[in-house]
Amino acid sequence: MAIYPLHKAYLDPFVARGEVVGVGPFADGGNMAIFRSRAAAEEFMKQEPFLLKGIVSEYQLREWNDILLS
């Protein structure tokens, strides 16, 4: 959790710009963030502190079609 303040400070501008729809942990482990675009997700992961500091060792970017917004 020592890295969390760096992660939060990095995440906040993405949220403020409206690029993040939701973010948080799953009840049974792991985390997920939903971005408005793949480009925003890719930009975020380039400097994500949990990834850079080795707390997160891998991630997946997956396309998702929200049927409520279609």
PDB file of N, CA and C in Angstrom:
ATOM      1  N   MET A   1       0.813  -1.215   0.000  1.00  0.00           N
ATOM      2  CA  MET A   1       0.000   0.000   0.000  1.00  0.00           C
ATOM      3  C   MET A   1       0.849   1.268   0.000  1.00  0.00           C
ATOM      4  N   ALA A   2       2.148   1.128   0.138  1.00  0.00           N
ATOM      5  CA  ALA A   2       3.007   2.313   0.101  1.00  0.00           C
ATOM      6  C   ALA A   2       2.967   2.992  -1.267  1.00  0.00           C
ATOM      7  N   ILE A   3       2.678   2.225  -2.304  1.00  0.00           N
ATOM      8  CA  ILE A   3       2.625   2.764  -3.663  1.00  0.00           C
ATOM      9  C   ILE A   3       1.262   3.394  -3.957  1.00  0.00           C
ATOM     10  N   TYR A   4       0.255   3.071  -3.163  1.00  0.00           N
ATOM     11  CA  TYR A   4      -1.107   3.541  -3.455  1.00  0.00           C
ATOM     12  C   TYR A   4      -1.203   5.054  -3.654  1.00  0.00           C
ATOM     13  N   PRO A   5      -0.581   5.893  -2.813  1.00  0.00           N
ATOM     14  CA  PRO A   5      -0.684   7.344  -3.052  1.00  0.00           C
ATOM     15  C   PRO A   5      -0.157   7.761  -4.436  1.00  0.00           C
ATOM     16  N   LEU A   6       0.891   7.112  -4.918  1.00  0.00           N
ATOM     17  CA  LEU A   6       1.405   7.400  -6.264  1.00  0.00           C
ATOM     18  C   LEU A   6       0.387   6.980  -7.322  1.00  0.00           C
ATOM     19  N   HIS A   7      -0.205   5.811  -7.125  1.00  0.00           N
ATOM     20  CA  HIS A   7      -1.224   5.306  -8.047  1.00  0.00           C
ATOM     21  C   HIS A   7      -2.421   6.253  -8.083  1.00  0.00           C
ATOM     22  N   LYS A   8      -2.893   6.668  -6.916  1.00  0.00           N
ATOM     23  CA  LYS A   8      -4.068   7.549  -6.830  1.00  0.00           C
ATOM     24  C   LYS A   8      -3.777   8.899  -7.484  1.00  0.00           C
ATOM     25  N   ALA A   9      -2.611   9.456  -7.227  1.00  0.00           N
ATOM     26  CA  ALA A   9      -2.239  10.745  -7.830  1.00  0.00           C
ATOM     27  C   ALA A   9      -2.135  10.629  -9.351  1.00  0.00           C
ATOM     28  N   TYR A  10      -1.713   9.476  -9.840  1.00  0.00           N
ATOM     29  CA  TYR A  10      -1.616   9.256 -11.278  1.00  0.00           C
ATOM     30  C   TYR A  10      -3.004   9.025 -11.886  1.00  0.00           C
ATOM     31  N   LEU A  11      -3.858   8.312 -11.176  1.00  0.00           N
ATOM     32  CA  LEU A  11      -5.207   7.994 -11.654  1.00  0.00           C
ATOM     33  C   LEU A  11      -6.117   9.216 -11.675  1.00  0.00           C
ATOM     34  N   ASP A  12      -6.032  10.064 -10.681  1.00  0.00           N
ATOM     35  CA  ASP A  12      -6.969  11.192 -10.528  1.00  0.00           C
ATOM     36  C   ASP A  12      -7.127  12.059 -11.776  1.00  0.00           C
ATOM     37  N   PRO A  13      -6.075  12.439 -12.482  1.00  0.00           N
ATOM     38  CA  PRO A  13      -6.274  13.240 -13.695  1.00  0.00           C
ATOM     39  C   PRO A  13      -7.056  12.505 -14.789  1.00  0.00           C
ATOM     40  N   PHE A  14      -6.869  11.197 -14.898  1.00  0.00           N
ATOM     41  CA  PHE A  14      -7.637  10.423 -15.866  1.00  0.00           C
ATOM     42  C   PHE A  14      -9.122  10.452 -15.507  1.00  0.00           C
ATOM     43  N   VAL A  15      -9.414  10.337 -14.225  1.00  0.00           N
ATOM     44  CA  VAL A  15     -10.802  10.414 -13.746  1.00  0.00           C
ATOM     45  C   VAL A  15     -11.359  11.810 -14.002  1.00  0.00           C
ATOM     46  N   ALA A  16     -10.602  12.838 -13.673  1.00  0.00           N
ATOM     47  CA  ALA A  16     -11.049  14.224 -13.840  1.00  0.00           C
ATOM     48  C   ALA A  16     -11.346  14.552 -15.303  1.00  0.00           C
ATOM     49  N   ARG A  17     -10.591  13.966 -16.215  1.00  0.00           N
ATOM     50  CA  ARG A  17     -10.818  14.192 -17.649  1.00  0.00           C
ATOM     51  C   ARG A  17     -11.959  13.333 -18.192  1.00  0.00           C
ATOM     52  N   GLY A  18     -12.542  12.489 -17.349  1.00  0.00           N
ATOM     53  CA  GLY A  18     -13.647  11.639 -17.776  1.00  0.00           C
ATOM     54  C   GLY A  18     -13.228  10.424 -18.573  1.00  0.00           C
ATOM     55  N   GLU A  19     -11.957  10.038 -18.465  1.00  0.00           N
ATOM     56  CA  GLU A  19     -11.457   8.900 -19.227  1.00  0.00           C
ATOM     57  C   GLU A  19     -11.661   7.567 -18.517  1.00  0.00           C
ATOM     58  N   VAL A  20     -12.020   7.608 -17.238  1.00  0.00           N
ATOM     59  CA  VAL A  20     -12.241   6.390 -16.461  1.00  0.00           C
ATOM     60  C   VAL A  20     -13.718   6.327 -16.066  1.00  0.00           C
ATOM     61  N   VAL A  21     -14.351   5.210 -16.405  1.00  0.00           N
ATOM     62  CA  VAL A  21     -15.759   4.999 -16.062  1.00  0.00           C
ATOM     63  C   VAL A  21     -15.879   4.398 -14.669  1.00  0.00           C
ATOM     64  N   GLY A  22     -14.988   3.472 -14.340  1.00  0.00           N
ATOM     65  CA  GLY A  22     -15.001   2.822 -13.032  1.00  0.00           C
ATOM     66  C   GLY A  22     -13.669   2.164 -12.778  1.00  0.00           C
ATOM     67  N   VAL A  23     -13.351   2.001 -11.502  1.00  0.00           N
ATOM     68  CA  VAL A  23     -12.084   1.371 -11.123  1.00  0.00           C
ATOM     69  C   VAL A  23     -12.214   0.813  -9.713  1.00  0.00           C
ATOM     70  N   GLY A  24     -11.599  -0.344  -9.473  1.00  0.00           N
ATOM     71  CA  GLY A  24     -11.611  -0.900  -8.128  1.00  0.00           C
ATOM     72  C   GLY A  24     -11.314  -2.383  -8.108  1.00  0.00           C
ATOM     73  N   PRO A  25     -11.236  -2.938  -6.902  1.00  0.00           N
ATOM     74  CA  PRO A  25     -10.899  -4.352  -6.751  1.00  0.00           C
ATOM     75  C   PRO A  25     -12.135  -5.246  -6.870  1.00  0.00           C
ATOM     76  N   PHE A  26     -11.897  -6.479  -7.300  1.00  0.00           N
ATOM     77  CA  PHE A  26     -12.919  -7.513  -7.242  1.00  0.00           C
ATOM     78  C   PHE A  26     -12.952  -8.057  -5.815  1.00  0.00           C
ATOM     79  N   ALA A  27     -14.086  -8.539  -5.379  1.00  0.00           N
ATOM     80  CA  ALA A  27     -14.220  -9.088  -4.024  1.00  0.00           C
ATOM     81  C   ALA A  27     -13.323 -10.303  -3.814  1.00  0.00           C
ATOM     82  N   ASP A  28     -13.049 -11.061  -4.882  1.00  0.00           N
ATOM     83  CA  ASP A  28     -12.255 -12.281  -4.748  1.00  0.00           C
ATOM     84  C   ASP A  28     -10.818 -12.126  -5.249  1.00  0.00           C
ATOM     85  N   GLY A  29     -10.363 -10.889  -5.379  1.00  0.00           N
ATOM     86  CA  GLY A  29      -8.982 -10.641  -5.790  1.00  0.00           C
ATOM     87  C   GLY A  29      -8.894 -10.064  -7.181  1.00  0.00           C
ATOM     88  N   GLY A  30      -7.850  -9.321  -7.424  1.00  0.00           N
ATOM     89  CA  GLY A  30      -7.661  -8.671  -8.704  1.00  0.00           C
ATOM     90  C   GLY A  30      -8.361  -7.327  -8.760  1.00  0.00           C
ATOM     91  N   ASN A  31      -8.146  -6.604  -9.818  1.00  0.00           N
ATOM     92  CA  ASN A  31      -8.703  -5.260  -9.985  1.00  0.00           C
ATOM     93  C   ASN A  31      -9.126  -5.061 -11.427  1.00  0.00           C
ATOM     94  N   MET A  32      -9.945  -4.042 -11.639  1.00  0.00           N
ATOM     95  CA  MET A  32     -10.358  -3.705 -12.990  1.00  0.00           C
ATOM     96  C   MET A  32     -10.583  -2.212 -13.086  1.00  0.00           C
ATOM     97  N   ALA A  33     -10.261  -1.664 -14.246  1.00  0.00           N
ATOM     98  CA  ALA A  33     -10.592  -0.283 -14.563  1.00  0.00           C
ATOM     99  C   ALA A  33     -11.265  -0.279 -15.921  1.00  0.00           C
ATOM    100  N   ILE A  34     -12.298   0.530 -16.065  1.00  0.00           N
ATOM    101  CA  ILE A  34     -12.986   0.671 -17.340  1.00  0.00           C
ATOM    102  C   ILE A  34     -12.704   2.078 -17.849  1.00  0.00           C
ATOM    103  N   PHE A  35     -12.072   2.135 -19.004  1.00  0.00           N
ATOM    104  CA  PHE A  35     -11.720   3.406 -19.640  1.00  0.00           C
ATOM    105  C   PHE A  35     -12.671   3.670 -20.793  1.00  0.00           C
ATOM    106  N   ARG A  36     -12.852   4.922 -21.132  1.00  0.00           N
ATOM    107  CA  ARG A  36     -13.723   5.290 -22.250  1.00  0.00           C
ATOM    108  C   ARG A  36     -13.128   4.897 -23.599  1.00  0.00           C
ATOM    109  N   SER A  37     -11.806   4.743 -23.658  1.00  0.00           N
ATOM    110  CA  SER A  37     -11.176   4.357 -24.928  1.00  0.00           C
ATOM    111  C   SER A  37      -9.954   3.490 -24.662  1.00  0.00           C
ATOM    112  N   ARG A  38      -9.616   2.706 -25.649  1.00  0.00           N
ATOM    113  CA  ARG A  38      -8.404   1.889 -25.559  1.00  0.00           C
ATOM    114  C   ARG A  38      -7.176   2.789 -25.468  1.00  0.00           C
ATOM    115  N   ALA A  39      -7.196   3.905 -26.203  1.00  0.00           N
ATOM    116  CA  ALA A  39      -6.058   4.835 -26.179  1.00  0.00           C
ATOM    117  C   ALA A  39      -5.810   5.355 -24.765  1.00  0.00           C
ATOM    118  N   ALA A  40      -6.872   5.684 -24.035  1.00  0.00           N
ATOM    119  CA  ALA A  40      -6.716   6.166 -22.654  1.00  0.00           C
ATOM    120  C   ALA A  40      -6.147   5.061 -21.764  1.00  0.00           C
ATOM    121  N   ALA A  41      -6.615   3.841 -21.947  1.00  0.00           N
ATOM    122  CA  ALA A  41      -6.104   2.711 -21.154  1.00  0.00           C
ATOM    123  C   ALA A  41      -4.628   2.473 -21.447  1.00  0.00           C
ATOM    124  N   GLU A  42      -4.266   2.518 -22.715  1.00  0.00           N
ATOM    125  CA  GLU A  42      -2.864   2.323 -23.083  1.00  0.00           C
ATOM    126  C   GLU A  42      -1.977   3.432 -22.524  1.00  0.00           C
ATOM    127  N   GLU A  43      -2.464   4.666 -22.590  1.00  0.00           N
ATOM    128  CA  GLU A  43      -1.710   5.786 -22.023  1.00  0.00           C
ATOM    129  C   GLU A  43      -1.523   5.603 -20.521  1.00  0.00           C
ATOM    130  N   PHE A  44      -2.589   5.204 -19.840  1.00  0.00           N
ATOM    131  CA  PHE A  44      -2.526   5.006 -18.394  1.00  0.00           C
ATOM    132  C   PHE A  44      -1.489   3.952 -18.023  1.00  0.00           C
ATOM    133  N   MET A  45      -1.484   2.843 -18.727  1.00  0.00           N
ATOM    134  CA  MET A  45      -0.600   1.738 -18.362  1.00  0.00           C
ATOM    135  C   MET A  45       0.878   2.041 -18.615  1.00  0.00           C
ATOM    136  N   LYS A  46       1.182   3.011 -19.443  1.00  0.00           N
ATOM    137  CA  LYS A  46       2.581   3.351 -19.714  1.00  0.00           C
ATOM    138  C   LYS A  46       3.324   3.818 -18.466  1.00  0.00           C
ATOM    139  N   GLN A  47       2.626   4.480 -17.554  1.00  0.00           N
ATOM    140  CA  GLN A  47       3.286   5.033 -16.367  1.00  0.00           C
ATOM    141  C   GLN A  47       2.594   4.633 -15.062  1.00  0.00           C
ATOM    142  N   GLU A  48       1.761   3.611 -15.087  1.00  0.00           N
ATOM    143  CA  GLU A  48       1.025   3.173 -13.899  1.00  0.00           C
ATOM    144  C   GLU A  48       2.008   2.749 -12.808  1.00  0.00           C
ATOM    145  N   PRO A  49       2.010   3.431 -11.649  1.00  0.00           N
ATOM    146  CA  PRO A  49       2.988   3.143 -10.596  1.00  0.00           C
ATOM    147  C   PRO A  49       2.992   1.696 -10.101  1.00  0.00           C
ATOM    148  N   PHE A  50       1.830   1.064  -9.967  1.00  0.00           N
ATOM    149  CA  PHE A  50       1.814  -0.335  -9.526  1.00  0.00           C
ATOM    150  C   PHE A  50       2.565  -1.229 -10.507  1.00  0.00           C
ATOM    151  N   LEU A  51       2.475  -0.932 -11.771  1.00  0.00           N
ATOM    152  CA  LEU A  51       3.176  -1.706 -12.789  1.00  0.00           C
ATOM    153  C   LEU A  51       4.670  -1.379 -12.786  1.00  0.00           C
ATOM    154  N   LEU A  52       4.990  -0.095 -12.754  1.00  0.00           N
ATOM    155  CA  LEU A  52       6.401   0.317 -12.781  1.00  0.00           C
ATOM    156  C   LEU A  52       7.176  -0.157 -11.560  1.00  0.00           C
ATOM    157  N   LYS A  53       6.520  -0.238 -10.406  1.00  0.00           N
ATOM    158  CA  LYS A  53       7.179  -0.661  -9.163  1.00  0.00           C
ATOM    159  C   LYS A  53       7.121  -2.165  -8.948  1.00  0.00           C
ATOM    160  N   GLY A  54       6.526  -2.898  -9.902  1.00  0.00           N
ATOM    161  CA  GLY A  54       6.503  -4.356  -9.802  1.00  0.00           C
ATOM    162  C   GLY A  54       5.404  -4.921  -8.925  1.00  0.00           C
ATOM    163  N   ILE A  55       4.482  -4.091  -8.446  1.00  0.00           N
ATOM    164  CA  ILE A  55       3.362  -4.591  -7.637  1.00  0.00           C
ATOM    165  C   ILE A  55       2.404  -5.382  -8.531  1.00  0.00           C
ATOM    166  N   VAL A  56       2.187  -4.890  -9.730  1.00  0.00           N
ATOM    167  CA  VAL A  56       1.405  -5.590 -10.748  1.00  0.00           C
ATOM    168  C   VAL A  56       2.391  -6.127 -11.777  1.00  0.00           C
ATOM    169  N   SER A  57       2.337  -7.416 -12.019  1.00  0.00           N
ATOM    170  CA  SER A  57       3.304  -8.012 -12.939  1.00  0.00           C
ATOM    171  C   SER A  57       2.756  -8.207 -14.341  1.00  0.00           C
ATOM    172  N   GLU A  58       1.441  -8.190 -14.477  1.00  0.00           N
ATOM    173  CA  GLU A  58       0.840  -8.342 -15.796  1.00  0.00           C
ATOM    174  C   GLU A  58      -0.535  -7.698 -15.806  1.00  0.00           C
ATOM    175  N   TYR A  59      -0.992  -7.385 -17.011  1.00  0.00           N
ATOM    176  CA  TYR A  59      -2.334  -6.833 -17.172  1.00  0.00           C
ATOM    177  C   TYR A  59      -2.858  -7.196 -18.541  1.00  0.00           C
ATOM    178  N   GLN A  60      -4.153  -7.062 -18.701  1.00  0.00           N
ATOM    179  CA  GLN A  60      -4.802  -7.307 -19.986  1.00  0.00           C
ATOM    180  C   GLN A  60      -5.631  -6.089 -20.348  1.00  0.00           C
ATOM    181  N   LEU A  61      -5.576  -5.705 -21.607  1.00  0.00           N
ATOM    182  CA  LEU A  61      -6.499  -4.710 -22.138  1.00  0.00           C
ATOM    183  C   LEU A  61      -7.500  -5.480 -22.987  1.00  0.00           C
ATOM    184  N   ARG A  62      -8.772  -5.359 -22.627  1.00  0.00           N
ATOM    185  CA  ARG A  62      -9.814  -6.087 -23.341  1.00  0.00           C
ATOM    186  C   ARG A  62     -10.879  -5.121 -23.798  1.00  0.00           C
ATOM    187  N   GLU A  63     -11.368  -5.324 -25.014  1.00  0.00           N
ATOM    188  CA  GLU A  63     -12.469  -4.529 -25.545  1.00  0.00           C
ATOM    189  C   GLU A  63     -13.767  -4.980 -24.889  1.00  0.00           C
ATOM    190  N   TRP A  64     -14.656  -4.036 -24.618  1.00  0.00           N
ATOM    191  CA  TRP A  64     -15.927  -4.360 -23.981  1.00  0.00           C
ATOM    192  C   TRP A  64     -17.008  -3.532 -24.663  1.00  0.00           C
ATOM    193  N   ASN A  65     -18.073  -4.172 -25.046  1.00  0.00           N
ATOM    194  CA  ASN A  65     -19.199  -3.502 -25.670  1.00  0.00           C
ATOM    195  C   ASN A  65     -20.319  -3.367 -24.644  1.00  0.00           C
ATOM    196  N   ASP A  66     -20.510  -2.165 -24.144  1.00  0.00           N
ATOM    197  CA  ASP A  66     -21.552  -1.884 -23.161  1.00  0.00           C
ATOM    198  C   ASP A  66     -22.893  -1.776 -23.880  1.00  0.00           C
ATOM    199  N   ILE A  67     -23.763  -2.747 -23.692  1.00  0.00           N
ATOM    200  CA  ILE A  67     -25.030  -2.745 -24.414  1.00  0.00           C
ATOM    201  C   ILE A  67     -26.005  -1.684 -23.910  1.00  0.00           C
ATOM    202  N   LEU A  68     -25.785  -1.180 -22.704  1.00  0.00           N
ATOM    203  CA  LEU A  68     -26.638  -0.112 -22.192  1.00  0.00           C
ATOM    204  C   LEU A  68     -26.382   1.201 -22.877  1.00  0.00           C
ATOM    205  N   LEU A  69     -25.172   1.400 -23.360  1.00  0.00           N
ATOM    206  CA  LEU A  69     -24.814   2.664 -24.004  1.00  0.00           C
ATOM    207  C   LEU A  69     -24.899   2.578 -25.523  1.00  0.00           C
ATOM    208  N   SER A  70     -25.243   1.417 -26.050  1.00  0.00           N
ATOM    209  CA  SER A  70     -25.320   1.235 -27.515  1.00  0.00           C
ATOM    210  C   SER A  70     -26.545   1.896 -28.092  1.00  0.00           C
TER     211      SER A  70
END
